[in-house]
Amino acid sequence: MNWEIIFGFTILGILIFMKQFGIDLLEKTKGWKRNQAKGDERWKWATTPPYFTFQKIVYWIIVVIVLTVTLYLGLQLEMMM
């Protein structure tokens, strides 16, 4: 058999396994829980009074820029295909 076929089936098997069981394995890790807690703290910080502070305005501007660039690049990639 060709090594490319074996390698292809191995990669496909890993992808299917991660699709089915990967998120469960990730959610059980300490790092996942720690990062989720950090994200919850950031969300609470960004959405509680006082709403208009310099740090929060800069934070939301950065979030909007990153979201806009991500959507633009995603749509450009979709249009190319």
Protein backbone atom coordinates (compact mmCIF):
# COMPACT_ATOMS: atom_id res chain seq x y z
CA MET A 1 0.00 0.00 0.00
CA ASN A 2 1.02 3.56 -0.48
CA TRP A 3 2.14 5.52 2.56
CA GLU A 4 -0.04 8.43 1.43
CA ILE A 5 -3.19 6.31 1.74
CA ILE A 6 -2.24 5.07 5.21
CA PHE A 7 -1.34 8.60 6.30
CA GLY A 8 -4.62 9.94 4.86
CA PHE A 9 -6.73 7.36 6.70
CA THR A 10 -4.85 8.06 9.92
CA ILE A 11 -5.50 11.79 9.67
CA LEU A 12 -9.15 11.17 8.79
CA GLY A 13 -9.52 8.84 11.78
CA ILE A 14 -7.96 11.40 14.13
CA LEU A 15 -10.29 14.12 12.81
CA ILE A 16 -13.38 11.96 13.27
CA PHE A 17 -12.26 10.96 16.78
CA MET A 18 -11.62 14.59 17.78
CA LYS A 19 -14.97 15.66 16.31
CA GLN A 20 -16.80 13.04 18.36
CA PHE A 21 -14.83 13.03 21.61
CA GLY A 22 -12.44 15.99 21.53
CA ILE A 23 -14.63 18.59 23.21
CA ASP A 24 -15.40 16.22 26.09
CA LEU A 25 -11.69 15.57 26.61
CA LEU A 26 -10.90 19.30 26.49
CA GLU A 27 -13.66 20.28 28.93
CA LYS A 28 -12.24 17.93 31.55
CA THR A 29 -8.82 19.62 31.61
CA LYS A 30 -7.85 22.15 34.27
CA GLY A 31 -6.64 24.62 31.63
CA TRP A 32 -10.05 24.66 29.93
CA LYS A 33 -11.82 25.39 33.23
CA ARG A 34 -9.27 28.07 34.16
CA ASN A 35 -9.60 29.81 30.79
CA GLN A 36 -13.38 29.59 30.94
CA ALA A 37 -13.33 31.23 34.38
CA LYS A 38 -11.05 33.98 33.04
CA GLY A 39 -13.44 34.54 30.14
CA ASP A 40 -16.40 34.77 32.51
CA GLU A 41 -14.53 37.33 34.64
CA ARG A 42 -13.69 39.43 31.56
CA TRP A 43 -17.29 39.33 30.41
CA LYS A 44 -18.54 40.42 33.85
CA TRP A 45 -15.94 43.20 33.92
CA ALA A 46 -16.86 44.43 30.43
CA THR A 47 -20.62 44.50 31.02
CA THR A 48 -20.96 45.95 34.53
CA PRO A 49 -21.15 49.59 35.65
CA PRO A 50 -19.43 51.95 35.21
CA TYR A 51 -19.90 51.29 31.51
CA PHE A 52 -17.79 54.10 30.08
CA THR A 53 -14.24 53.94 31.31
CA PHE A 54 -11.16 54.35 29.14
CA GLN A 55 -10.18 50.67 29.52
CA LYS A 56 -13.64 49.41 28.62
CA ILE A 57 -13.89 51.67 25.58
CA VAL A 58 -10.50 50.45 24.32
CA TYR A 59 -11.52 46.84 25.06
CA TRP A 60 -14.73 47.10 23.02
CA ILE A 61 -12.94 48.87 20.16
CA ILE A 62 -10.42 46.03 20.00
CA VAL A 63 -13.21 43.43 20.13
CA VAL A 64 -15.05 45.15 17.28
CA ILE A 65 -11.87 45.43 15.17
CA VAL A 66 -10.96 41.76 15.67
CA LEU A 67 -14.53 40.64 14.91
CA THR A 68 -14.72 42.81 11.79
CA VAL A 69 -11.37 41.60 10.44
CA THR A 70 -12.28 37.97 11.16
CA LEU A 71 -15.63 38.29 9.39
CA TYR A 72 -14.07 40.11 6.43
CA LEU A 73 -11.33 37.51 5.98
CA GLY A 74 -13.83 34.68 6.38
CA LEU A 75 -16.13 36.16 3.74
CA GLN A 76 -13.19 36.76 1.38
CA LEU A 77 -12.10 33.17 1.80
CA GLU A 78 -15.65 31.96 1.17
CA MET A 79 -15.94 34.10 -1.97
CA MET A 80 -12.67 32.70 -3.35
CA MET A 81 -13.96 29.12 -3.25
